[in-house]
PDB file of N, CA and C in Angstrom:
ATOM      1  N   MET A   1     121.594 141.389 107.695  1.00  0.00           N
ATOM      2  CA  MET A   1     120.459 141.544 108.573  1.00  0.00           C
ATOM      3  C   MET A   1     120.456 140.493 109.680  1.00  0.00           C
ATOM      4  N   LEU A   2     121.456 139.639 109.719  1.00  0.00           N
ATOM      5  CA  LEU A   2     121.506 138.561 110.686  1.00  0.00           C
ATOM      6  C   LEU A   2     121.522 139.072 112.119  1.00  0.00           C
ATOM      7  N   ASN A   3     122.192 140.176 112.387  1.00  0.00           N
ATOM      8  CA  ASN A   3     122.270 140.719 113.738  1.00  0.00           C
ATOM      9  C   ASN A   3     121.358 141.921 113.926  1.00  0.00           C
ATOM     10  N   ASP A   4     120.336 142.021 113.149  1.00  0.00           N
ATOM     11  CA  ASP A   4     119.414 143.147 113.187  1.00  0.00           C
ATOM     12  C   ASP A   4     118.573 143.108 114.461  1.00  0.00           C
ATOM     13  N   ARG A   5     118.510 144.213 115.174  1.00  0.00           N
ATOM     14  CA  ARG A   5     117.789 144.289 116.446  1.00  0.00           C
ATOM     15  C   ARG A   5     116.291 144.041 116.271  1.00  0.00           C
ATOM     16  N   PHE A   6     115.704 144.576 115.211  1.00  0.00           N
ATOM     17  CA  PHE A   6     114.279 144.374 114.954  1.00  0.00           C
ATOM     18  C   PHE A   6     113.967 142.892 114.797  1.00  0.00           C
ATOM     19  N   LEU A   7     114.739 142.205 113.963  1.00  0.00           N
ATOM     20  CA  LEU A   7     114.476 140.794 113.698  1.00  0.00           C
ATOM     21  C   LEU A   7     114.739 139.932 114.929  1.00  0.00           C
ATOM     22  N   ASN A   8     115.771 140.260 115.697  1.00  0.00           N
ATOM     23  CA  ASN A   8     116.042 139.522 116.930  1.00  0.00           C
ATOM     24  C   ASN A   8     114.901 139.686 117.925  1.00  0.00           C
ATOM     25  N   THR A   9     114.389 140.898 118.061  1.00  0.00           N
ATOM     26  CA  THR A   9     113.285 141.170 118.974  1.00  0.00           C
ATOM     27  C   THR A   9     112.012 140.479 118.498  1.00  0.00           C
ATOM     28  N   LEU A  10     111.837 140.399 117.190  1.00  0.00           N
ATOM     29  CA  LEU A  10     110.687 139.699 116.623  1.00  0.00           C
ATOM     30  C   LEU A  10     110.706 138.225 117.030  1.00  0.00           C
ATOM     31  N   GLY A  11     111.882 137.612 116.970  1.00  0.00           N
ATOM     32  CA  GLY A  11     112.023 136.219 117.400  1.00  0.00           C
ATOM     33  C   GLY A  11     111.693 136.043 118.871  1.00  0.00           C
ATOM     34  N   LEU A  12     112.144 136.973 119.716  1.00  0.00           N
ATOM     35  CA  LEU A  12     111.837 136.914 121.147  1.00  0.00           C
ATOM     36  C   LEU A  12     110.338 137.067 121.400  1.00  0.00           C
ATOM     37  N   CYS A  13     109.721 137.959 120.666  1.00  0.00           N
ATOM     38  CA  CYS A  13     108.290 138.195 120.793  1.00  0.00           C
ATOM     39  C   CYS A  13     107.504 136.930 120.422  1.00  0.00           C
ATOM     40  N   LEU A  14     107.950 136.240 119.385  1.00  0.00           N
ATOM     41  CA  LEU A  14     107.309 134.990 118.974  1.00  0.00           C
ATOM     42  C   LEU A  14     107.455 133.937 120.069  1.00  0.00           C
ATOM     43  N   LYS A  15     108.661 133.792 120.593  1.00  0.00           N
ATOM     44  CA  LYS A  15     108.903 132.799 121.649  1.00  0.00           C
ATOM     45  C   LYS A  15     108.092 133.095 122.900  1.00  0.00           C
ATOM     46  N   ALA A  16     107.827 134.368 123.165  1.00  0.00           N
ATOM     47  CA  ALA A  16     107.031 134.763 124.325  1.00  0.00           C
ATOM     48  C   ALA A  16     105.535 134.585 124.080  1.00  0.00           C
ATOM     49  N   GLY A  17     105.153 134.266 122.845  1.00  0.00           N
ATOM     50  CA  GLY A  17     103.743 134.070 122.523  1.00  0.00           C
ATOM     51  C   GLY A  17     102.967 135.362 122.406  1.00  0.00           C
ATOM     52  N   ARG A  18     103.644 136.439 122.057  1.00  0.00           N
ATOM     53  CA  ARG A  18     103.017 137.757 121.984  1.00  0.00           C
ATOM     54  C   ARG A  18     102.923 138.297 120.561  1.00  0.00           C
ATOM     55  N   LEU A  19     102.902 137.402 119.579  1.00  0.00           N
ATOM     56  CA  LEU A  19     102.905 137.807 118.183  1.00  0.00           C
ATOM     57  C   LEU A  19     101.773 137.098 117.444  1.00  0.00           C
ATOM     58  N   SER A  20     100.986 137.836 116.686  1.00  0.00           N
ATOM     59  CA  SER A  20      99.983 137.249 115.793  1.00  0.00           C
ATOM     60  C   SER A  20     100.525 137.382 114.382  1.00  0.00           C
ATOM     61  N   ILE A  21     100.539 136.275 113.660  1.00  0.00           N
ATOM     62  CA  ILE A  21     101.166 136.221 112.343  1.00  0.00           C
ATOM     63  C   ILE A  21     100.117 135.979 111.267  1.00  0.00           C
ATOM     64  N   GLY A  22     100.126 136.820 110.245  1.00  0.00           N
ATOM     65  CA  GLY A  22      99.246 136.629 109.113  1.00  0.00           C
ATOM     66  C   GLY A  22      98.004 137.506 109.154  1.00  0.00           C
ATOM     67  N   HIS A  23      97.316 137.531 108.031  1.00  0.00           N
ATOM     68  CA  HIS A  23      96.152 138.394 107.837  1.00  0.00           C
ATOM     69  C   HIS A  23      95.057 138.129 108.861  1.00  0.00           C
ATOM     70  N   ASP A  24      94.579 136.894 108.909  1.00  0.00           N
ATOM     71  CA  ASP A  24      93.433 136.586 109.768  1.00  0.00           C
ATOM     72  C   ASP A  24      93.758 136.759 111.247  1.00  0.00           C
ATOM     73  N   ALA A  25      94.903 136.228 111.677  1.00  0.00           N
ATOM     74  CA  ALA A  25      95.284 136.339 113.089  1.00  0.00           C
ATOM     75  C   ALA A  25      95.480 137.795 113.496  1.00  0.00           C
ATOM     76  N   SER A  26      96.075 138.585 112.620  1.00  0.00           N
ATOM     77  CA  SER A  26      96.300 140.003 112.924  1.00  0.00           C
ATOM     78  C   SER A  26      94.991 140.771 112.983  1.00  0.00           C
ATOM     79  N   LYS A  27      94.101 140.465 112.070  1.00  0.00           N
ATOM     80  CA  LYS A  27      92.804 141.138 112.034  1.00  0.00           C
ATOM     81  C   LYS A  27      92.007 140.836 113.312  1.00  0.00           C
ATOM     82  N   ILE A  28      92.016 139.578 113.740  1.00  0.00           N
ATOM     83  CA  ILE A  28      91.326 139.194 114.971  1.00  0.00           C
ATOM     84  C   ILE A  28      91.953 139.888 116.173  1.00  0.00           C
ATOM     85  N   SER A  29      93.270 139.937 116.200  1.00  0.00           N
ATOM     86  CA  SER A  29      93.989 140.580 117.294  1.00  0.00           C
ATOM     87  C   SER A  29      93.613 142.057 117.415  1.00  0.00           C
ATOM     88  N   ILE A  30      93.491 142.723 116.286  1.00  0.00           N
ATOM     89  CA  ILE A  30      93.107 144.143 116.291  1.00  0.00           C
ATOM     90  C   ILE A  30      91.656 144.298 116.737  1.00  0.00           C
ATOM     91  N   LYS A  31      90.760 143.469 116.189  1.00  0.00           N
ATOM     92  CA  LYS A  31      89.338 143.589 116.516  1.00  0.00           C
ATOM     93  C   LYS A  31      89.030 143.238 117.966  1.00  0.00           C
ATOM     94  N   THR A  32      89.836 142.379 118.587  1.00  0.00           N
ATOM     95  CA  THR A  32      89.606 142.008 119.983  1.00  0.00           C
ATOM     96  C   THR A  32      90.431 142.855 120.948  1.00  0.00           C
ATOM     97  N   ASN A  33      91.042 143.902 120.428  1.00  0.00           N
ATOM     98  CA  ASN A  33      91.827 144.863 121.222  1.00  0.00           C
ATOM     99  C   ASN A  33      93.035 144.251 121.929  1.00  0.00           C
ATOM    100  N   LYS A  34      93.580 143.183 121.378  1.00  0.00           N
ATOM    101  CA  LYS A  34      94.797 142.592 121.934  1.00  0.00           C
ATOM    102  C   LYS A  34      96.046 143.230 121.327  1.00  0.00           C
ATOM    103  N   ALA A  35      95.940 143.689 120.098  1.00  0.00           N
ATOM    104  CA  ALA A  35      97.094 144.237 119.372  1.00  0.00           C
ATOM    105  C   ALA A  35      97.534 145.565 119.968  1.00  0.00           C
ATOM    106  N   GLN A  36      98.836 145.707 120.121  1.00  0.00           N
ATOM    107  CA  GLN A  36      99.433 146.962 120.570  1.00  0.00           C
ATOM    108  C   GLN A  36     100.150 147.663 119.410  1.00  0.00           C
ATOM    109  N   LEU A  37     100.553 146.870 118.405  1.00  0.00           N
ATOM    110  CA  LEU A  37     101.282 147.389 117.247  1.00  0.00           C
ATOM    111  C   LEU A  37     101.026 146.479 116.061  1.00  0.00           C
ATOM    112  N   CYS A  38     100.763 147.059 114.910  1.00  0.00           N
ATOM    113  CA  CYS A  38     100.591 146.303 113.669  1.00  0.00           C
ATOM    114  C   CYS A  38     101.760 146.644 112.756  1.00  0.00           C
ATOM    115  N   ILE A  39     102.437 145.607 112.272  1.00  0.00           N
ATOM    116  CA  ILE A  39     103.625 145.776 111.428  1.00  0.00           C
ATOM    117  C   ILE A  39     103.325 145.255 110.027  1.00  0.00           C
ATOM    118  N   LEU A  40     103.531 146.106 109.026  1.00  0.00           N
ATOM    119  CA  LEU A  40     103.351 145.722 107.622  1.00  0.00           C
ATOM    120  C   LEU A  40     104.705 145.664 106.935  1.00  0.00           C
ATOM    121  N   CYS A  41     104.937 144.624 106.157  1.00  0.00           N
ATOM    122  CA  CYS A  41     106.189 144.490 105.403  1.00  0.00           C
ATOM    123  C   CYS A  41     106.178 145.400 104.182  1.00  0.00           C
ATOM    124  N   SER A  42     107.351 145.731 103.714  1.00  0.00           N
ATOM    125  CA  SER A  42     107.465 146.625 102.560  1.00  0.00           C
ATOM    126  C   SER A  42     106.915 146.004 101.282  1.00  0.00           C
ATOM    127  N   ASP A  43     106.954 144.664 101.185  1.00  0.00           N
ATOM    128  CA  ASP A  43     106.466 144.016  99.966  1.00  0.00           C
ATOM    129  C   ASP A  43     105.055 143.440 100.122  1.00  0.00           C
ATOM    130  N   ALA A  44     104.323 143.919 101.111  1.00  0.00           N
ATOM    131  CA  ALA A  44     102.908 143.545 101.238  1.00  0.00           C
ATOM    132  C   ALA A  44     102.149 144.132 100.053  1.00  0.00           C
ATOM    133  N   SER A  45     101.066 143.489  99.669  1.00  0.00           N
ATOM    134  CA  SER A  45     100.297 143.979  98.529  1.00  0.00           C
ATOM    135  C   SER A  45      99.642 145.315  98.871  1.00  0.00           C
ATOM    136  N   PRO A  46      99.439 146.149  97.866  1.00  0.00           N
ATOM    137  CA  PRO A  46      98.768 147.430  98.107  1.00  0.00           C
ATOM    138  C   PRO A  46      97.387 147.257  98.744  1.00  0.00           C
ATOM    139  N   ARG A  47      96.667 146.200  98.352  1.00  0.00           N
ATOM    140  CA  ARG A  47      95.348 145.929  98.909  1.00  0.00           C
ATOM    141  C   ARG A  47      95.444 145.634 100.403  1.00  0.00           C
ATOM    142  N   LEU A  48      96.427 144.830 100.801  1.00  0.00           N
ATOM    143  CA  LEU A  48      96.611 144.490 102.210  1.00  0.00           C
ATOM    144  C   LEU A  48      96.999 145.719 103.026  1.00  0.00           C
ATOM    145  N   LYS A  49      97.920 146.514 102.487  1.00  0.00           N
ATOM    146  CA  LYS A  49      98.339 147.736 103.187  1.00  0.00           C
ATOM    147  C   LYS A  49      97.146 148.668 103.393  1.00  0.00           C
ATOM    148  N   LYS A  50      96.349 148.839 102.352  1.00  0.00           N
ATOM    149  CA  LYS A  50      95.184 149.718 102.433  1.00  0.00           C
ATOM    150  C   LYS A  50      94.181 149.190 103.456  1.00  0.00           C
ATOM    151  N   GLU A  51      93.954 147.884 103.435  1.00  0.00           N
ATOM    152  CA  GLU A  51      92.998 147.279 104.364  1.00  0.00           C
ATOM    153  C   GLU A  51      93.400 147.537 105.816  1.00  0.00           C
ATOM    154  N   PHE A  52      94.660 147.313 106.145  1.00  0.00           N
ATOM    155  CA  PHE A  52      95.094 147.482 107.530  1.00  0.00           C
ATOM    156  C   PHE A  52      95.261 148.947 107.916  1.00  0.00           C
ATOM    157  N   MET A  53      95.656 149.787 106.984  1.00  0.00           N
ATOM    158  CA  MET A  53      95.771 151.212 107.286  1.00  0.00           C
ATOM    159  C   MET A  53      94.391 151.839 107.524  1.00  0.00           C
ATOM    160  N   ASN A  54      93.356 151.276 106.894  1.00  0.00           N
ATOM    161  CA  ASN A  54      92.002 151.826 107.010  1.00  0.00           C
ATOM    162  C   ASN A  54      91.158 151.159 108.095  1.00  0.00           C
ATOM    163  N   MET A  55      91.750 150.285 108.907  1.00  0.00           N
ATOM    164  CA  MET A  55      90.994 149.599 109.960  1.00  0.00           C
ATOM    165  C   MET A  55      90.704 150.494 111.149  1.00  0.00           C
ATOM    166  N   GLY A  56      91.357 151.635 111.216  1.00  0.00           N
ATOM    167  CA  GLY A  56      91.146 152.540 112.334  1.00  0.00           C
ATOM    168  C   GLY A  56      92.058 152.257 113.514  1.00  0.00           C
ATOM    169  N   PHE A  57      93.013 151.343 113.327  1.00  0.00           N
ATOM    170  CA  PHE A  57      93.975 151.046 114.382  1.00  0.00           C
ATOM    171  C   PHE A  57      95.129 152.024 114.236  1.00  0.00           C
ATOM    172  N   GLU A  58      95.334 152.847 115.244  1.00  0.00           N
ATOM    173  CA  GLU A  58      96.287 153.952 115.150  1.00  0.00           C
ATOM    174  C   GLU A  58      97.747 153.528 115.057  1.00  0.00           C
ATOM    175  N   ASN A  59      98.110 152.456 115.718  1.00  0.00           N
ATOM    176  CA  ASN A  59      99.513 152.084 115.828  1.00  0.00           C
ATOM    177  C   ASN A  59      99.907 151.068 114.748  1.00  0.00           C
ATOM    178  N   THR A  60      99.785 151.455 113.488  1.00  0.00           N
ATOM    179  CA  THR A  60     100.160 150.614 112.354  1.00  0.00           C
ATOM    180  C   THR A  60     101.353 151.251 111.658  1.00  0.00           C
ATOM    181  N   VAL A  61     102.415 150.457 111.450  1.00  0.00           N
ATOM    182  CA  VAL A  61     103.614 150.972 110.794  1.00  0.00           C
ATOM    183  C   VAL A  61     104.007 150.075 109.628  1.00  0.00           C
ATOM    184  N   GLU A  62     104.489 150.719 108.574  1.00  0.00           N
ATOM    185  CA  GLU A  62     105.040 149.984 107.441  1.00  0.00           C
ATOM    186  C   GLU A  62     106.559 149.997 107.595  1.00  0.00           C
ATOM    187  N   THR A  63     107.167 148.835 107.481  1.00  0.00           N
ATOM    188  CA  THR A  63     108.609 148.715 107.696  1.00  0.00           C
ATOM    189  C   THR A  63     109.352 148.586 106.383  1.00  0.00           C
ATOM    190  N   GLU A  64     110.655 148.632 106.476  1.00  0.00           N
ATOM    191  CA  GLU A  64     111.527 148.398 105.327  1.00  0.00           C
ATOM    192  C   GLU A  64     111.786 146.906 105.123  1.00  0.00           C
ATOM    193  N   TYR A  65     111.332 146.092 106.056  1.00  0.00           N
ATOM    194  CA  TYR A  65     111.595 144.655 106.018  1.00  0.00           C
ATOM    195  C   TYR A  65     110.650 143.951 105.059  1.00  0.00           C
ATOM    196  N   THR A  66     111.172 142.924 104.393  1.00  0.00           N
ATOM    197  CA  THR A  66     110.376 142.140 103.453  1.00  0.00           C
ATOM    198  C   THR A  66     109.894 140.861 104.126  1.00  0.00           C
ATOM    199  N   MET A  67     109.027 140.150 103.442  1.00  0.00           N
ATOM    200  CA  MET A  67     108.551 138.874 103.967  1.00  0.00           C
ATOM    201  C   MET A  67     109.709 137.889 104.127  1.00  0.00           C
ATOM    202  N   LYS A  68     110.685 137.974 103.248  1.00  0.00           N
ATOM    203  CA  LYS A  68     111.867 137.106 103.347  1.00  0.00           C
ATOM    204  C   LYS A  68     112.647 137.406 104.629  1.00  0.00           C
ATOM    205  N   ASP A  69     112.769 138.691 104.976  1.00  0.00           N
ATOM    206  CA  ASP A  69     113.444 139.076 106.220  1.00  0.00           C
ATOM    207  C   ASP A  69     112.693 138.524 107.430  1.00  0.00           C
ATOM    208  N   ILE A  70     111.375 138.644 107.405  1.00  0.00           N
ATOM    209  CA  ILE A  70     110.550 138.150 108.500  1.00  0.00           C
ATOM    210  C   ILE A  70     110.705 136.639 108.627  1.00  0.00           C
ATOM    211  N   LYS A  71     110.717 135.954 107.493  1.00  0.00           N
ATOM    212  CA  LYS A  71     110.870 134.491 107.522  1.00  0.00           C
ATOM    213  C   LYS A  71     112.207 134.094 108.140  1.00  0.00           C
ATOM    214  N   SER A  72     113.249 134.873 107.898  1.00  0.00           N
ATOM    215  CA  SER A  72     114.554 134.551 108.479  1.00  0.00           C
ATOM    216  C   SER A  72     114.537 134.657 110.005  1.00  0.00           C
ATOM    217  N   ALA A  73     113.635 135.478 110.545  1.00  0.00           N
ATOM    218  CA  ALA A  73     113.573 135.675 111.994  1.00  0.00           C
ATOM    219  C   ALA A  73     112.622 134.710 112.693  1.00  0.00           C
ATOM    220  N   ILE A  74     111.488 134.401 112.055  1.00  0.00           N
ATOM    221  CA  ILE A  74     110.472 133.599 112.742  1.00  0.00           C
ATOM    222  C   ILE A  74     110.066 132.340 111.984  1.00  0.00           C
ATOM    223  N   ASN A  75     110.744 132.031 110.901  1.00  0.00           N
ATOM    224  CA  ASN A  75     110.484 130.838 110.093  1.00  0.00           C
ATOM    225  C   ASN A  75     109.090 130.795 109.478  1.00  0.00           C
ATOM    226  N   THR A  76     108.467 131.943 109.351  1.00  0.00           N
ATOM    227  CA  THR A  76     107.169 132.048 108.696  1.00  0.00           C
ATOM    228  C   THR A  76     107.137 133.337 107.903  1.00  0.00           C
ATOM    229  N   ALA A  77     106.886 133.217 106.606  1.00  0.00           N
ATOM    230  CA  ALA A  77     106.784 134.422 105.779  1.00  0.00           C
ATOM    231  C   ALA A  77     105.386 135.006 105.949  1.00  0.00           C
ATOM    232  N   SER A  78     105.334 136.280 106.286  1.00  0.00           N
ATOM    233  CA  SER A  78     104.052 136.948 106.456  1.00  0.00           C
ATOM    234  C   SER A  78     104.219 138.425 106.152  1.00  0.00           C
ATOM    235  N   ALA A  79     103.195 139.010 105.576  1.00  0.00           N
ATOM    236  CA  ALA A  79     103.246 140.429 105.224  1.00  0.00           C
ATOM    237  C   ALA A  79     102.722 141.319 106.340  1.00  0.00           C
ATOM    238  N   VAL A  80     101.988 140.728 107.287  1.00  0.00           N
ATOM    239  CA  VAL A  80     101.426 141.508 108.392  1.00  0.00           C
ATOM    240  C   VAL A  80     101.550 140.726 109.693  1.00  0.00           C
ATOM    241  N   LEU A  81     101.903 141.454 110.752  1.00  0.00           N
ATOM    242  CA  LEU A  81     102.062 140.880 112.089  1.00  0.00           C
ATOM    243  C   LEU A  81     101.480 141.863 113.093  1.00  0.00           C
ATOM    244  N   THR A  82     101.005 141.345 114.214  1.00  0.00           N
ATOM    245  CA  THR A  82     100.643 142.247 115.303  1.00  0.00           C
ATOM    246  C   THR A  82     101.380 141.815 116.561  1.00  0.00           C
ATOM    247  N   VAL A  83     101.805 142.808 117.308  1.00  0.00           N
ATOM    248  CA  VAL A  83     102.474 142.599 118.586  1.00  0.00           C
ATOM    249  C   VAL A  83     101.414 142.788 119.660  1.00  0.00           C
ATOM    250  N   ASN A  84     101.239 141.775 120.500  1.00  0.00           N
ATOM    251  CA  ASN A  84     100.158 141.775 121.480  1.00  0.00           C
ATOM    252  C   ASN A  84     100.672 141.970 122.907  1.00  0.00           C
ATOM    253  N   ASP A  85     101.654 142.814 123.056  1.00  0.00           N
ATOM    254  CA  ASP A  85     102.240 143.101 124.366  1.00  0.00           C
ATOM    255  C   ASP A  85     102.751 144.539 124.354  1.00  0.00           C
ATOM    256  N   SER A  86     102.382 145.313 125.363  1.00  0.00           N
ATOM    257  CA  SER A  86     102.756 146.724 125.366  1.00  0.00           C
ATOM    258  C   SER A  86     104.266 146.922 125.516  1.00  0.00           C
ATOM    259  N   GLY A  87     104.933 146.062 126.261  1.00  0.00           N
ATOM    260  CA  GLY A  87     106.383 146.180 126.424  1.00  0.00           C
ATOM    261  C   GLY A  87     107.118 145.949 125.114  1.00  0.00           C
ATOM    262  N   PHE A  88     106.754 144.880 124.413  1.00  0.00           N
ATOM    263  CA  PHE A  88     107.361 144.623 123.112  1.00  0.00           C
ATOM    264  C   PHE A  88     107.006 145.730 122.127  1.00  0.00           C
ATOM    265  N   ALA A  89     105.775 146.224 122.188  1.00  0.00           N
ATOM    266  CA  ALA A  89     105.344 147.297 121.276  1.00  0.00           C
ATOM    267  C   ALA A  89     106.208 148.538 121.456  1.00  0.00           C
ATOM    268  N   LYS A  90     106.546 148.874 122.697  1.00  0.00           N
ATOM    269  CA  LYS A  90     107.403 150.031 122.959  1.00  0.00           C
ATOM    270  C   LYS A  90     108.805 149.819 122.401  1.00  0.00           C
ATOM    271  N   ILE A  91     109.314 148.601 122.539  1.00  0.00           N
ATOM    272  CA  ILE A  91     110.644 148.301 121.998  1.00  0.00           C
ATOM    273  C   ILE A  91     110.635 148.438 120.478  1.00  0.00           C
ATOM    274  N   PHE A  92     109.633 147.831 119.818  1.00  0.00           N
ATOM    275  CA  PHE A  92     109.535 147.931 118.364  1.00  0.00           C
ATOM    276  C   PHE A  92     109.346 149.370 117.913  1.00  0.00           C
ATOM    277  N   ASP A  93     108.536 150.109 118.644  1.00  0.00           N
ATOM    278  CA  ASP A  93     108.300 151.504 118.303  1.00  0.00           C
ATOM    279  C   ASP A  93     109.617 152.282 118.336  1.00  0.00           C
ATOM    280  N   GLY A  94     110.421 152.037 119.343  1.00  0.00           N
ATOM    281  CA  GLY A  94     111.726 152.695 119.444  1.00  0.00           C
ATOM    282  C   GLY A  94     112.645 152.313 118.294  1.00  0.00           C
ATOM    283  N   ILE A  95     112.627 151.049 117.931  1.00  0.00           N
ATOM    284  CA  ILE A  95     113.490 150.585 116.837  1.00  0.00           C
ATOM    285  C   ILE A  95     113.014 151.146 115.501  1.00  0.00           C
ATOM    286  N   LEU A  96     111.722 151.023 115.221  1.00  0.00           N
ATOM    287  CA  LEU A  96     111.188 151.405 113.906  1.00  0.00           C
ATOM    288  C   LEU A  96     111.093 152.902 113.685  1.00  0.00           C
ATOM    289  N   ARG A  97     110.833 153.635 114.723  1.00  0.00           N
ATOM    290  CA  ARG A  97     110.666 155.079 114.569  1.00  0.00           C
ATOM    291  C   ARG A  97     111.914 155.851 114.999  1.00  0.00           C
ATOM    292  N   GLY A  98     112.969 155.123 115.299  1.00  0.00           N
ATOM    293  CA  GLY A  98     114.224 155.769 115.617  1.00  0.00           C
ATOM    294  C   GLY A  98     114.266 156.445 116.963  1.00  0.00           C
ATOM    295  N   GLY A  99     113.404 155.969 117.892  1.00  0.00           N
ATOM    296  CA  GLY A  99     113.363 156.538 119.220  1.00  0.00           C
ATOM    297  C   GLY A  99     114.533 156.056 120.065  1.00  0.00           C
ATOM    298  N   ALA A 100     114.502 156.389 121.304  1.00  0.00           N
ATOM    299  CA  ALA A 100     115.557 155.989 122.237  1.00  0.00           C
ATOM    300  C   ALA A 100     115.545 154.482 122.403  1.00  0.00           C
ATOM    301  N   ASN A 101     116.704 153.916 122.633  1.00  0.00           N
ATOM    302  CA  ASN A 101     116.804 152.485 122.900  1.00  0.00           C
ATOM    303  C   ASN A 101     116.186 152.187 124.263  1.00  0.00           C
ATOM    304  N   ILE A 102     115.304 151.222 124.280  1.00  0.00           N
ATOM    305  CA  ILE A 102     114.619 150.884 125.521  1.00  0.00           C
ATOM    306  C   ILE A 102     115.192 149.587 126.047  1.00  0.00           C
TER     307      ILE A 102
END
């Protein structure tokens, strides 16, 4: 997974300051309409997945990536992240949903 496009883009998004990491930061990002995409890890707790899926935010995706994978990319283990930039959100959407490379 070292050369994985998703994880590399995640690192770029963090460096650009367009990523909210963790439960509280992601929840605030969604409630203040800054979030463009919510990403849930595969090993997030069922309670956390249910909470974020039921928030009414349409652009929430569950990935195959684990918290360990996320930590390898951004040096912080987290089960939920939000992308707060429409350009990055489109790139992630293409990667995660198998769309065209942007």
